[in-house]
């Protein structure tokens, strides 16, 4: 469990070995994806229209509706899992094969 109203989610693409980062915020409507960044591009990973290259990262603001829950696969086949950070606290999840990891607001 991680208590936070904002967090970052990062992972390494399993084929391209490219790092991705997303910033999420908890709002009254759910979890909102505020910003996304990808360190490079590759097959199927083209930066969307409106992206800016900032310090080696393609940065953009996704047009994505608020989510009640984020479900992260935990296949164990990607070589790494997911890193969730809030402030100075980070958790690594989904590194081993298992049930999906769910992120949602606590009451």
PDB file of N, CA and C in Angstrom:
ATOM      1  N   UNK A   1       0.847  -1.172   0.000  1.00  0.00           N
ATOM      2  CA  UNK A   1       0.000   0.000   0.000  1.00  0.00           C
ATOM      3  C   UNK A   1       0.894   1.236   0.000  1.00  0.00           C
ATOM      4  N   UNK A   2       0.457   2.229  -0.749  1.00  0.00           N
ATOM      5  CA  UNK A   2       1.177   3.494  -0.851  1.00  0.00           C
ATOM      6  C   UNK A   2       0.151   4.612  -0.767  1.00  0.00           C
ATOM      7  N   UNK A   3       0.262   5.428   0.264  1.00  0.00           N
ATOM      8  CA  UNK A   3      -0.692   6.520   0.453  1.00  0.00           C
ATOM      9  C   UNK A   3      -0.185   7.767  -0.261  1.00  0.00           C
ATOM     10  N   UNK A   4      -0.913   8.201  -1.310  1.00  0.00           N
ATOM     11  CA  UNK A   4      -0.498   9.377  -2.074  1.00  0.00           C
ATOM     12  C   UNK A   4      -1.659   9.861  -2.928  1.00  0.00           C
ATOM     13  N   UNK A   5      -1.673  11.151  -3.220  1.00  0.00           N
ATOM     14  CA  UNK A   5      -2.676  11.682  -4.138  1.00  0.00           C
ATOM     15  C   UNK A   5      -2.092  11.886  -5.533  1.00  0.00           C
ATOM     16  N   UNK A   6      -0.776  11.702  -5.667  1.00  0.00           N
ATOM     17  CA  UNK A   6      -0.100  11.777  -6.961  1.00  0.00           C
ATOM     18  C   UNK A   6       1.053  10.783  -6.944  1.00  0.00           C
ATOM     19  N   UNK A   7       1.322  10.171  -8.097  1.00  0.00           N
ATOM     20  CA  UNK A   7       2.410   9.198  -8.168  1.00  0.00           C
ATOM     21  C   UNK A   7       2.914   9.104  -9.597  1.00  0.00           C
ATOM     22  N   UNK A   8       4.123   8.565  -9.741  1.00  0.00           N
ATOM     23  CA  UNK A   8       4.645   8.275 -11.071  1.00  0.00           C
ATOM     24  C   UNK A   8       4.685   6.763 -11.243  1.00  0.00           C
ATOM     25  N   UNK A   9       4.514   6.343 -12.472  1.00  0.00           N
ATOM     26  CA  UNK A   9       4.547   4.934 -12.832  1.00  0.00           C
ATOM     27  C   UNK A   9       5.565   4.804 -13.948  1.00  0.00           C
ATOM     28  N   UNK A  10       6.539   3.922 -13.792  1.00  0.00           N
ATOM     29  CA  UNK A  10       7.547   3.763 -14.844  1.00  0.00           C
ATOM     30  C   UNK A  10       7.811   2.293 -15.105  1.00  0.00           C
ATOM     31  N   UNK A  11       8.294   2.006 -16.312  1.00  0.00           N
ATOM     32  CA  UNK A  11       8.625   0.646 -16.715  1.00  0.00           C
ATOM     33  C   UNK A  11       9.510   0.707 -17.943  1.00  0.00           C
ATOM     34  N   UNK A  12      10.115  -0.435 -18.280  1.00  0.00           N
ATOM     35  CA  UNK A  12      10.945  -0.550 -19.471  1.00  0.00           C
ATOM     36  C   UNK A  12      10.215  -1.418 -20.481  1.00  0.00           C
ATOM     37  N   UNK A  13      10.085  -0.919 -21.706  1.00  0.00           N
ATOM     38  CA  UNK A  13       9.411  -1.662 -22.769  1.00  0.00           C
ATOM     39  C   UNK A  13      10.127  -2.992 -22.973  1.00  0.00           C
ATOM     40  N   UNK A  14       9.374  -4.086 -23.035  1.00  0.00           N
ATOM     41  CA  UNK A  14       9.972  -5.425 -23.063  1.00  0.00           C
ATOM     42  C   UNK A  14      10.757  -5.727 -24.340  1.00  0.00           C
ATOM     43  N   UNK A  15      10.409  -5.117 -25.458  1.00  0.00           N
ATOM     44  CA  UNK A  15      11.112  -5.391 -26.718  1.00  0.00           C
ATOM     45  C   UNK A  15      12.139  -4.314 -27.014  1.00  0.00           C
ATOM     46  N   UNK A  16      11.727  -3.043 -26.993  1.00  0.00           N
ATOM     47  CA  UNK A  16      12.605  -1.935 -27.357  1.00  0.00           C
ATOM     48  C   UNK A  16      13.583  -1.557 -26.243  1.00  0.00           C
ATOM     49  N   UNK A  17      13.315  -2.012 -24.995  1.00  0.00           N
ATOM     50  CA  UNK A  17      14.154  -1.680 -23.826  1.00  0.00           C
ATOM     51  C   UNK A  17      14.221  -0.166 -23.617  1.00  0.00           C
ATOM     52  N   UNK A  18      13.116   0.491 -23.870  1.00  0.00           N
ATOM     53  CA  UNK A  18      12.991   1.934 -23.738  1.00  0.00           C
ATOM     54  C   UNK A  18      12.181   2.253 -22.488  1.00  0.00           C
ATOM     55  N   UNK A  19      12.638   3.235 -21.713  1.00  0.00           N
ATOM     56  CA  UNK A  19      11.937   3.586 -20.480  1.00  0.00           C
ATOM     57  C   UNK A  19      10.733   4.482 -20.754  1.00  0.00           C
ATOM     58  N   UNK A  20       9.646   4.191 -20.042  1.00  0.00           N
ATOM     59  CA  UNK A  20       8.410   4.981 -20.095  1.00  0.00           C
ATOM     60  C   UNK A  20       8.133   5.486 -18.694  1.00  0.00           C
ATOM     61  N   UNK A  21       7.552   6.669 -18.587  1.00  0.00           N
ATOM     62  CA  UNK A  21       7.125   7.230 -17.301  1.00  0.00           C
ATOM     63  C   UNK A  21       5.785   7.932 -17.479  1.00  0.00           C
ATOM     64  N   UNK A  22       4.943   7.760 -16.474  1.00  0.00           N
ATOM     65  CA  UNK A  22       3.658   8.454 -16.457  1.00  0.00           C
ATOM     66  C   UNK A  22       3.461   9.105 -15.100  1.00  0.00           C
ATOM     67  N   UNK A  23       2.854  10.268 -15.095  1.00  0.00           N
ATOM     68  CA  UNK A  23       2.475  10.940 -13.850  1.00  0.00           C
ATOM     69  C   UNK A  23       0.967  10.865 -13.718  1.00  0.00           C
ATOM     70  N   UNK A  24       0.510  10.367 -12.579  1.00  0.00           N
ATOM     71  CA  UNK A  24      -0.915  10.185 -12.301  1.00  0.00           C
ATOM     72  C   UNK A  24      -1.305  11.009 -11.085  1.00  0.00           C
ATOM     73  N   UNK A  25      -2.564  11.426 -11.064  1.00  0.00           N
ATOM     74  CA  UNK A  25      -3.086  12.192  -9.930  1.00  0.00           C
ATOM     75  C   UNK A  25      -4.474  11.674  -9.591  1.00  0.00           C
ATOM     76  N   UNK A  26      -4.746  11.581  -8.289  1.00  0.00           N
ATOM     77  CA  UNK A  26      -6.067  11.184  -7.828  1.00  0.00           C
ATOM     78  C   UNK A  26      -6.943  12.423  -7.734  1.00  0.00           C
ATOM     79  N   UNK A  27      -8.080  12.380  -8.424  1.00  0.00           N
ATOM     80  CA  UNK A  27      -9.026  13.499  -8.406  1.00  0.00           C
ATOM     81  C   UNK A  27     -10.390  12.972  -7.972  1.00  0.00           C
ATOM     82  N   UNK A  28     -11.365  13.843  -7.907  1.00  0.00           N
ATOM     83  CA  UNK A  28     -12.717  13.440  -7.555  1.00  0.00           C
ATOM     84  C   UNK A  28     -13.343  12.499  -8.571  1.00  0.00           C
ATOM     85  N   UNK A  29     -12.812  12.474  -9.798  1.00  0.00           N
ATOM     86  CA  UNK A  29     -13.353  11.593 -10.837  1.00  0.00           C
ATOM     87  C   UNK A  29     -12.563  10.297 -10.997  1.00  0.00           C
ATOM     88  N   UNK A  30     -11.459  10.152 -10.287  1.00  0.00           N
ATOM     89  CA  UNK A  30     -10.646   8.936 -10.371  1.00  0.00           C
ATOM     90  C   UNK A  30      -9.186   9.259 -10.600  1.00  0.00           C
ATOM     91  N   UNK A  31      -8.470   8.279 -11.122  1.00  0.00           N
ATOM     92  CA  UNK A  31      -7.044   8.436 -11.422  1.00  0.00           C
ATOM     93  C   UNK A  31      -6.905   9.078 -12.795  1.00  0.00           C
ATOM     94  N   UNK A  32      -6.196  10.207 -12.846  1.00  0.00           N
ATOM     95  CA  UNK A  32      -6.046  10.965 -14.088  1.00  0.00           C
ATOM     96  C   UNK A  32      -4.586  10.932 -14.528  1.00  0.00           C
ATOM     97  N   UNK A  33      -4.363  10.536 -15.780  1.00  0.00           N
ATOM     98  CA  UNK A  33      -3.028  10.537 -16.371  1.00  0.00           C
ATOM     99  C   UNK A  33      -2.707  11.966 -16.785  1.00  0.00           C
ATOM    100  N   UNK A  34      -1.765  12.590 -16.069  1.00  0.00           N
ATOM    101  CA  UNK A  34      -1.446  14.000 -16.261  1.00  0.00           C
ATOM    102  C   UNK A  34      -0.399  14.212 -17.352  1.00  0.00           C
ATOM    103  N   UNK A  35       0.633  13.353 -17.371  1.00  0.00           N
ATOM    104  CA  UNK A  35       1.724  13.508 -18.334  1.00  0.00           C
ATOM    105  C   UNK A  35       2.362  12.148 -18.570  1.00  0.00           C
ATOM    106  N   UNK A  36       2.857  11.941 -19.784  1.00  0.00           N
ATOM    107  CA  UNK A  36       3.582  10.722 -20.125  1.00  0.00           C
ATOM    108  C   UNK A  36       4.878  11.101 -20.828  1.00  0.00           C
ATOM    109  N   UNK A  37       5.901  10.266 -20.622  1.00  0.00           N
ATOM    110  CA  UNK A  37       7.200  10.495 -21.251  1.00  0.00           C
ATOM    111  C   UNK A  37       7.779   9.160 -21.709  1.00  0.00           C
ATOM    112  N   UNK A  38       8.446   9.182 -22.851  1.00  0.00           N
ATOM    113  CA  UNK A  38       9.138   7.995 -23.344  1.00  0.00           C
ATOM    114  C   UNK A  38      10.536   8.411 -23.781  1.00  0.00           C
ATOM    115  N   UNK A  39      11.511   7.604 -23.399  1.00  0.00           N
ATOM    116  CA  UNK A  39      12.916   7.902 -23.672  1.00  0.00           C
ATOM    117  C   UNK A  39      13.294   7.302 -25.027  1.00  0.00           C
ATOM    118  N   UNK A  40      12.851   7.959 -26.098  1.00  0.00           N
ATOM    119  CA  UNK A  40      13.146   7.477 -27.438  1.00  0.00           C
ATOM    120  C   UNK A  40      11.885   7.038 -28.142  1.00  0.00           C
ATOM    121  N   UNK A  41      12.057   6.354 -29.266  1.00  0.00           N
ATOM    122  CA  UNK A  41      10.924   5.852 -30.026  1.00  0.00           C
ATOM    123  C   UNK A  41      11.340   4.545 -30.665  1.00  0.00           C
ATOM    124  N   UNK A  42      10.390   3.861 -31.245  1.00  0.00           N
ATOM    125  CA  UNK A  42      10.679   2.588 -31.890  1.00  0.00           C
ATOM    126  C   UNK A  42       9.406   2.033 -32.490  1.00  0.00           C
ATOM    127  N   UNK A  43       9.483   0.819 -32.992  1.00  0.00           N
ATOM    128  CA  UNK A  43       8.335   0.186 -33.632  1.00  0.00           C
ATOM    129  C   UNK A  43       7.142   0.156 -32.686  1.00  0.00           C
ATOM    130  N   UNK A  44       6.055   0.789 -33.115  1.00  0.00           N
ATOM    131  CA  UNK A  44       4.844   0.823 -32.308  1.00  0.00           C
ATOM    132  C   UNK A  44       4.914   1.770 -31.121  1.00  0.00           C
ATOM    133  N   UNK A  45       5.961   2.573 -31.038  1.00  0.00           N
ATOM    134  CA  UNK A  45       6.154   3.484 -29.907  1.00  0.00           C
ATOM    135  C   UNK A  45       6.387   4.913 -30.383  1.00  0.00           C
ATOM    136  N   UNK A  46       5.787   5.290 -31.475  1.00  0.00           N
ATOM    137  CA  UNK A  46       5.973   6.634 -31.991  1.00  0.00           C
ATOM    138  C   UNK A  46       5.329   7.638 -31.031  1.00  0.00           C
ATOM    139  N   UNK A  47       6.018   8.726 -30.728  1.00  0.00           N
ATOM    140  CA  UNK A  47       5.419   9.755 -29.871  1.00  0.00           C
ATOM    141  C   UNK A  47       4.177  10.325 -30.539  1.00  0.00           C
ATOM    142  N   UNK A  48       3.119  10.553 -29.777  1.00  0.00           N
ATOM    143  CA  UNK A  48       1.899  11.080 -30.385  1.00  0.00           C
ATOM    144  C   UNK A  48       2.056  12.530 -30.839  1.00  0.00           C
ATOM    145  N   UNK A  49       1.135  12.947 -31.680  1.00  0.00           N
ATOM    146  CA  UNK A  49       1.116  14.323 -32.168  1.00  0.00           C
ATOM    147  C   UNK A  49       1.082  15.278 -30.980  1.00  0.00           C
ATOM    148  N   UNK A  50       1.859  16.343 -31.057  1.00  0.00           N
ATOM    149  CA  UNK A  50       1.918  17.327 -29.985  1.00  0.00           C
ATOM    150  C   UNK A  50       3.004  17.046 -28.958  1.00  0.00           C
ATOM    151  N   UNK A  51       3.736  15.941 -29.118  1.00  0.00           N
ATOM    152  CA  UNK A  51       4.826  15.623 -28.183  1.00  0.00           C
ATOM    153  C   UNK A  51       5.975  16.595 -28.356  1.00  0.00           C
ATOM    154  N   UNK A  52       6.692  16.835 -27.255  1.00  0.00           N
ATOM    155  CA  UNK A  52       7.885  17.675 -27.297  1.00  0.00           C
ATOM    156  C   UNK A  52       9.070  16.865 -26.807  1.00  0.00           C
ATOM    157  N   UNK A  53      10.218  17.034 -27.452  1.00  0.00           N
ATOM    158  CA  UNK A  53      11.443  16.379 -27.010  1.00  0.00           C
ATOM    159  C   UNK A  53      12.097  17.275 -25.965  1.00  0.00           C
ATOM    160  N   UNK A  54      12.097  16.832 -24.705  1.00  0.00           N
ATOM    161  CA  UNK A  54      12.637  17.608 -23.595  1.00  0.00           C
ATOM    162  C   UNK A  54      13.663  16.755 -22.862  1.00  0.00           C
ATOM    163  N   UNK A  55      14.924  17.179 -22.889  1.00  0.00           N
ATOM    164  CA  UNK A  55      16.017  16.467 -22.215  1.00  0.00           C
ATOM    165  C   UNK A  55      16.059  14.992 -22.585  1.00  0.00           C
ATOM    166  N   UNK A  56      15.833  14.675 -23.862  1.00  0.00           N
ATOM    167  CA  UNK A  56      15.913  13.294 -24.334  1.00  0.00           C
ATOM    168  C   UNK A  56      14.639  12.483 -24.149  1.00  0.00           C
ATOM    169  N   UNK A  57      13.597  13.101 -23.618  1.00  0.00           N
ATOM    170  CA  UNK A  57      12.316  12.419 -23.400  1.00  0.00           C
ATOM    171  C   UNK A  57      11.248  13.022 -24.302  1.00  0.00           C
ATOM    172  N   UNK A  58      10.493  12.183 -25.013  1.00  0.00           N
ATOM    173  CA  UNK A  58       9.310  12.648 -25.711  1.00  0.00           C
ATOM    174  C   UNK A  58       8.227  12.800 -24.658  1.00  0.00           C
ATOM    175  N   UNK A  59       7.750  14.006 -24.443  1.00  0.00           N
ATOM    176  CA  UNK A  59       6.810  14.332 -23.375  1.00  0.00           C
ATOM    177  C   UNK A  59       5.497  14.797 -23.993  1.00  0.00           C
ATOM    178  N   UNK A  60       4.398  14.310 -23.433  1.00  0.00           N
ATOM    179  CA  UNK A  60       3.086  14.693 -23.951  1.00  0.00           C
ATOM    180  C   UNK A  60       2.020  14.578 -22.859  1.00  0.00           C
ATOM    181  N   UNK A  61       0.876  15.160 -23.133  1.00  0.00           N
ATOM    182  CA  UNK A  61      -0.276  15.120 -22.222  1.00  0.00           C
ATOM    183  C   UNK A  61      -1.359  14.267 -22.887  1.00  0.00           C
ATOM    184  N   UNK A  62      -1.496  13.029 -22.429  1.00  0.00           N
ATOM    185  CA  UNK A  62      -2.472  12.126 -23.049  1.00  0.00           C
ATOM    186  C   UNK A  62      -3.909  12.596 -22.865  1.00  0.00           C
ATOM    187  N   UNK A  63      -4.719  12.304 -23.825  1.00  0.00           N
ATOM    188  CA  UNK A  63      -6.161  12.555 -23.757  1.00  0.00           C
ATOM    189  C   UNK A  63      -6.789  11.223 -23.359  1.00  0.00           C
ATOM    190  N   UNK A  64      -6.894  11.003 -22.065  1.00  0.00           N
ATOM    191  CA  UNK A  64      -7.287   9.712 -21.531  1.00  0.00           C
ATOM    192  C   UNK A  64      -8.269   9.964 -20.398  1.00  0.00           C
ATOM    193  N   UNK A  65      -9.431   9.335 -20.385  1.00  0.00           N
ATOM    194  CA  UNK A  65     -10.405   9.598 -19.322  1.00  0.00           C
ATOM    195  C   UNK A  65      -9.918   9.104 -17.961  1.00  0.00           C
ATOM    196  N   UNK A  66     -10.467   9.664 -16.898  1.00  0.00           N
ATOM    197  CA  UNK A  66     -10.140   9.224 -15.538  1.00  0.00           C
ATOM    198  C   UNK A  66     -10.468   7.738 -15.396  1.00  0.00           C
ATOM    199  N   UNK A  67      -9.648   7.054 -14.628  1.00  0.00           N
ATOM    200  CA  UNK A  67      -9.806   5.621 -14.419  1.00  0.00           C
ATOM    201  C   UNK A  67     -10.114   5.326 -12.955  1.00  0.00           C
ATOM    202  N   UNK A  68     -10.990   4.369 -12.698  1.00  0.00           N
ATOM    203  CA  UNK A  68     -11.229   3.947 -11.321  1.00  0.00           C
ATOM    204  C   UNK A  68     -10.080   3.088 -10.826  1.00  0.00           C
ATOM    205  N   UNK A  69      -9.553   2.244 -11.717  1.00  0.00           N
ATOM    206  CA  UNK A  69      -8.497   1.312 -11.359  1.00  0.00           C
ATOM    207  C   UNK A  69      -7.522   1.180 -12.514  1.00  0.00           C
ATOM    208  N   UNK A  70      -6.229   1.103 -12.191  1.00  0.00           N
ATOM    209  CA  UNK A  70      -5.214   0.748 -13.182  1.00  0.00           C
ATOM    210  C   UNK A  70      -4.864  -0.712 -12.935  1.00  0.00           C
ATOM    211  N   UNK A  71      -4.822  -1.512 -13.982  1.00  0.00           N
ATOM    212  CA  UNK A  71      -4.474  -2.926 -13.858  1.00  0.00           C
ATOM    213  C   UNK A  71      -3.175  -3.138 -14.623  1.00  0.00           C
ATOM    214  N   UNK A  72      -2.126  -3.571 -13.908  1.00  0.00           N
ATOM    215  CA  UNK A  72      -0.799  -3.774 -14.485  1.00  0.00           C
ATOM    216  C   UNK A  72      -0.519  -5.272 -14.566  1.00  0.00           C
ATOM    217  N   UNK A  73      -0.200  -5.756 -15.744  1.00  0.00           N
ATOM    218  CA  UNK A  73       0.101  -7.173 -15.923  1.00  0.00           C
ATOM    219  C   UNK A  73       1.378  -7.543 -15.171  1.00  0.00           C
ATOM    220  N   UNK A  74       1.411  -8.756 -14.681  1.00  0.00           N
ATOM    221  CA  UNK A  74       2.597  -9.273 -13.989  1.00  0.00           C
ATOM    222  C   UNK A  74       2.935 -10.630 -14.606  1.00  0.00           C
ATOM    223  N   UNK A  75       3.435 -10.600 -15.835  1.00  0.00           N
ATOM    224  CA  UNK A  75       3.694 -11.838 -16.568  1.00  0.00           C
ATOM    225  C   UNK A  75       5.004 -12.499 -16.155  1.00  0.00           C
ATOM    226  N   UNK A  76       5.945 -11.706 -15.631  1.00  0.00           N
ATOM    227  CA  UNK A  76       7.258 -12.248 -15.319  1.00  0.00           C
ATOM    228  C   UNK A  76       8.118 -12.459 -16.554  1.00  0.00           C
ATOM    229  N   UNK A  77       7.641 -12.083 -17.727  1.00  0.00           N
ATOM    230  CA  UNK A  77       8.347 -12.325 -18.985  1.00  0.00           C
ATOM    231  C   UNK A  77       9.031 -11.082 -19.557  1.00  0.00           C
ATOM    232  N   UNK A  78       8.909  -9.945 -18.884  1.00  0.00           N
ATOM    233  CA  UNK A  78       9.419  -8.701 -19.470  1.00  0.00           C
ATOM    234  C   UNK A  78      10.809  -8.315 -18.964  1.00  0.00           C
ATOM    235  N   UNK A  79      11.350  -9.021 -18.005  1.00  0.00           N
ATOM    236  CA  UNK A  79      12.675  -8.695 -17.493  1.00  0.00           C
ATOM    237  C   UNK A  79      12.658  -7.685 -16.365  1.00  0.00           C
ATOM    238  N   UNK A  80      11.523  -7.013 -16.181  1.00  0.00           N
ATOM    239  CA  UNK A  80      11.374  -6.086 -15.067  1.00  0.00           C
ATOM    240  C   UNK A  80       9.891  -5.880 -14.831  1.00  0.00           C
ATOM    241  N   UNK A  81       9.577  -5.228 -13.764  1.00  0.00           N
ATOM    242  CA  UNK A  81       8.178  -4.955 -13.461  1.00  0.00           C
ATOM    243  C   UNK A  81       7.880  -3.491 -13.629  1.00  0.00           C
ATOM    244  N   UNK A  82       7.097  -3.005 -12.732  1.00  0.00           N
ATOM    245  CA  UNK A  82       6.646  -1.623 -12.725  1.00  0.00           C
ATOM    246  C   UNK A  82       7.217  -0.929 -11.494  1.00  0.00           C
ATOM    247  N   UNK A  83       7.552   0.340 -11.585  1.00  0.00           N
ATOM    248  CA  UNK A  83       7.998   1.125 -10.436  1.00  0.00           C
ATOM    249  C   UNK A  83       6.974   2.225 -10.190  1.00  0.00           C
ATOM    250  N   UNK A  84       6.459   2.250  -8.971  1.00  0.00           N
ATOM    251  CA  UNK A  84       5.496   3.261  -8.557  1.00  0.00           C
ATOM    252  C   UNK A  84       6.174   4.127  -7.506  1.00  0.00           C
ATOM    253  N   UNK A  85       6.221   5.440  -7.730  1.00  0.00           N
ATOM    254  CA  UNK A  85       6.874   6.350  -6.795  1.00  0.00           C
ATOM    255  C   UNK A  85       5.927   7.477  -6.390  1.00  0.00           C
ATOM    256  N   UNK A  86       5.940   7.782  -5.111  1.00  0.00           N
ATOM    257  CA  UNK A  86       5.203   8.927  -4.564  1.00  0.00           C
ATOM    258  C   UNK A  86       6.151   9.607  -3.593  1.00  0.00           C
ATOM    259  N   UNK A  87       6.544  10.825  -3.923  1.00  0.00           N
ATOM    260  CA  UNK A  87       7.536  11.509  -3.097  1.00  0.00           C
ATOM    261  C   UNK A  87       8.844  10.732  -3.129  1.00  0.00           C
ATOM    262  N   UNK A  88       9.395  10.436  -1.953  1.00  0.00           N
ATOM    263  CA  UNK A  88      10.659   9.701  -1.855  1.00  0.00           C
ATOM    264  C   UNK A  88      10.462   8.203  -1.712  1.00  0.00           C
ATOM    265  N   UNK A  89       9.229   7.734  -1.788  1.00  0.00           N
ATOM    266  CA  UNK A  89       8.939   6.317  -1.600  1.00  0.00           C
ATOM    267  C   UNK A  89       8.621   5.656  -2.933  1.00  0.00           C
ATOM    268  N   UNK A  90       9.321   4.564  -3.227  1.00  0.00           N
ATOM    269  CA  UNK A  90       9.087   3.819  -4.462  1.00  0.00           C
ATOM    270  C   UNK A  90       8.833   2.346  -4.141  1.00  0.00           C
ATOM    271  N   UNK A  91       7.959   1.740  -4.920  1.00  0.00           N
ATOM    272  CA  UNK A  91       7.672   0.313  -4.820  1.00  0.00           C
ATOM    273  C   UNK A  91       7.875  -0.309  -6.191  1.00  0.00           C
ATOM    274  N   UNK A  92       8.540  -1.469  -6.226  1.00  0.00           N
ATOM    275  CA  UNK A  92       8.662  -2.241  -7.461  1.00  0.00           C
ATOM    276  C   UNK A  92       7.654  -3.376  -7.387  1.00  0.00           C
ATOM    277  N   UNK A  93       6.807  -3.491  -8.396  1.00  0.00           N
ATOM    278  CA  UNK A  93       5.753  -4.497  -8.401  1.00  0.00           C
ATOM    279  C   UNK A  93       5.727  -5.217  -9.749  1.00  0.00           C
ATOM    280  N   UNK A  94       5.167  -6.419  -9.752  1.00  0.00           N
ATOM    281  CA  UNK A  94       4.965  -7.157 -10.991  1.00  0.00           C
ATOM    282  C   UNK A  94       6.213  -7.702 -11.630  1.00  0.00           C
ATOM    283  N   UNK A  95       7.296  -7.860 -10.860  1.00  0.00           N
ATOM    284  CA  UNK A  95       8.537  -8.387 -11.435  1.00  0.00           C
ATOM    285  C   UNK A  95       8.449  -9.888 -11.703  1.00  0.00           C
ATOM    286  N   UNK A  96       7.708 -10.593 -10.858  1.00  0.00           N
ATOM    287  CA  UNK A  96       7.535 -12.032 -10.988  1.00  0.00           C
ATOM    288  C   UNK A  96       6.146 -12.323 -11.546  1.00  0.00           C
ATOM    289  N   UNK A  97       6.003 -13.454 -12.205  1.00  0.00           N
ATOM    290  CA  UNK A  97       4.701 -13.854 -12.719  1.00  0.00           C
ATOM    291  C   UNK A  97       3.725 -14.001 -11.561  1.00  0.00           C
ATOM    292  N   UNK A  98       2.536 -13.481 -11.743  1.00  0.00           N
ATOM    293  CA  UNK A  98       1.519 -13.575 -10.708  1.00  0.00           C
ATOM    294  C   UNK A  98       0.267 -12.836 -11.117  1.00  0.00           C
ATOM    295  N   UNK A  99      -0.578 -12.623 -10.143  1.00  0.00           N
ATOM    296  CA  UNK A  99      -1.817 -11.890 -10.395  1.00  0.00           C
ATOM    297  C   UNK A  99      -1.496 -10.469 -10.834  1.00  0.00           C
ATOM    298  N   UNK A 100      -2.376  -9.879 -11.620  1.00  0.00           N
ATOM    299  CA  UNK A 100      -2.178  -8.487 -12.004  1.00  0.00           C
ATOM    300  C   UNK A 100      -2.118  -7.591 -10.764  1.00  0.00           C
ATOM    301  N   UNK A 101      -1.412  -6.478 -10.883  1.00  0.00           N
ATOM    302  CA  UNK A 101      -1.316  -5.487  -9.820  1.00  0.00           C
ATOM    303  C   UNK A 101      -2.377  -4.436 -10.103  1.00  0.00           C
ATOM    304  N   UNK A 102      -3.178  -4.119  -9.093  1.00  0.00           N
ATOM    305  CA  UNK A 102      -4.223  -3.111  -9.268  1.00  0.00           C
ATOM    306  C   UNK A 102      -3.904  -1.879  -8.440  1.00  0.00           C
ATOM    307  N   UNK A 103      -4.069  -0.710  -9.065  1.00  0.00           N
ATOM    308  CA  UNK A 103      -3.887   0.570  -8.381  1.00  0.00           C
ATOM    309  C   UNK A 103      -5.238   1.265  -8.374  1.00  0.00           C
ATOM    310  N   UNK A 104      -5.693   1.643  -7.193  1.00  0.00           N
ATOM    311  CA  UNK A 104      -6.967   2.344  -7.084  1.00  0.00           C
ATOM    312  C   UNK A 104      -6.962   3.193  -5.817  1.00  0.00           C
ATOM    313  N   UNK A 105      -7.939   4.071  -5.722  1.00  0.00           N
ATOM    314  CA  UNK A 105      -8.076   4.933  -4.542  1.00  0.00           C
ATOM    315  C   UNK A 105      -8.591   4.120  -3.367  1.00  0.00           C
ATOM    316  N   UNK A 106      -8.105   4.440  -2.187  1.00  0.00           N
ATOM    317  CA  UNK A 106      -8.597   3.836  -0.955  1.00  0.00           C
ATOM    318  C   UNK A 106      -9.618   4.772  -0.332  1.00  0.00           C
ATOM    319  N   UNK A 107     -10.583   4.229   0.335  1.00  0.00           N
ATOM    320  CA  UNK A 107     -11.573   5.051   1.041  1.00  0.00           C
ATOM    321  C   UNK A 107     -11.093   5.356   2.444  1.00  0.00           C
TER     322      UNK A 107
END
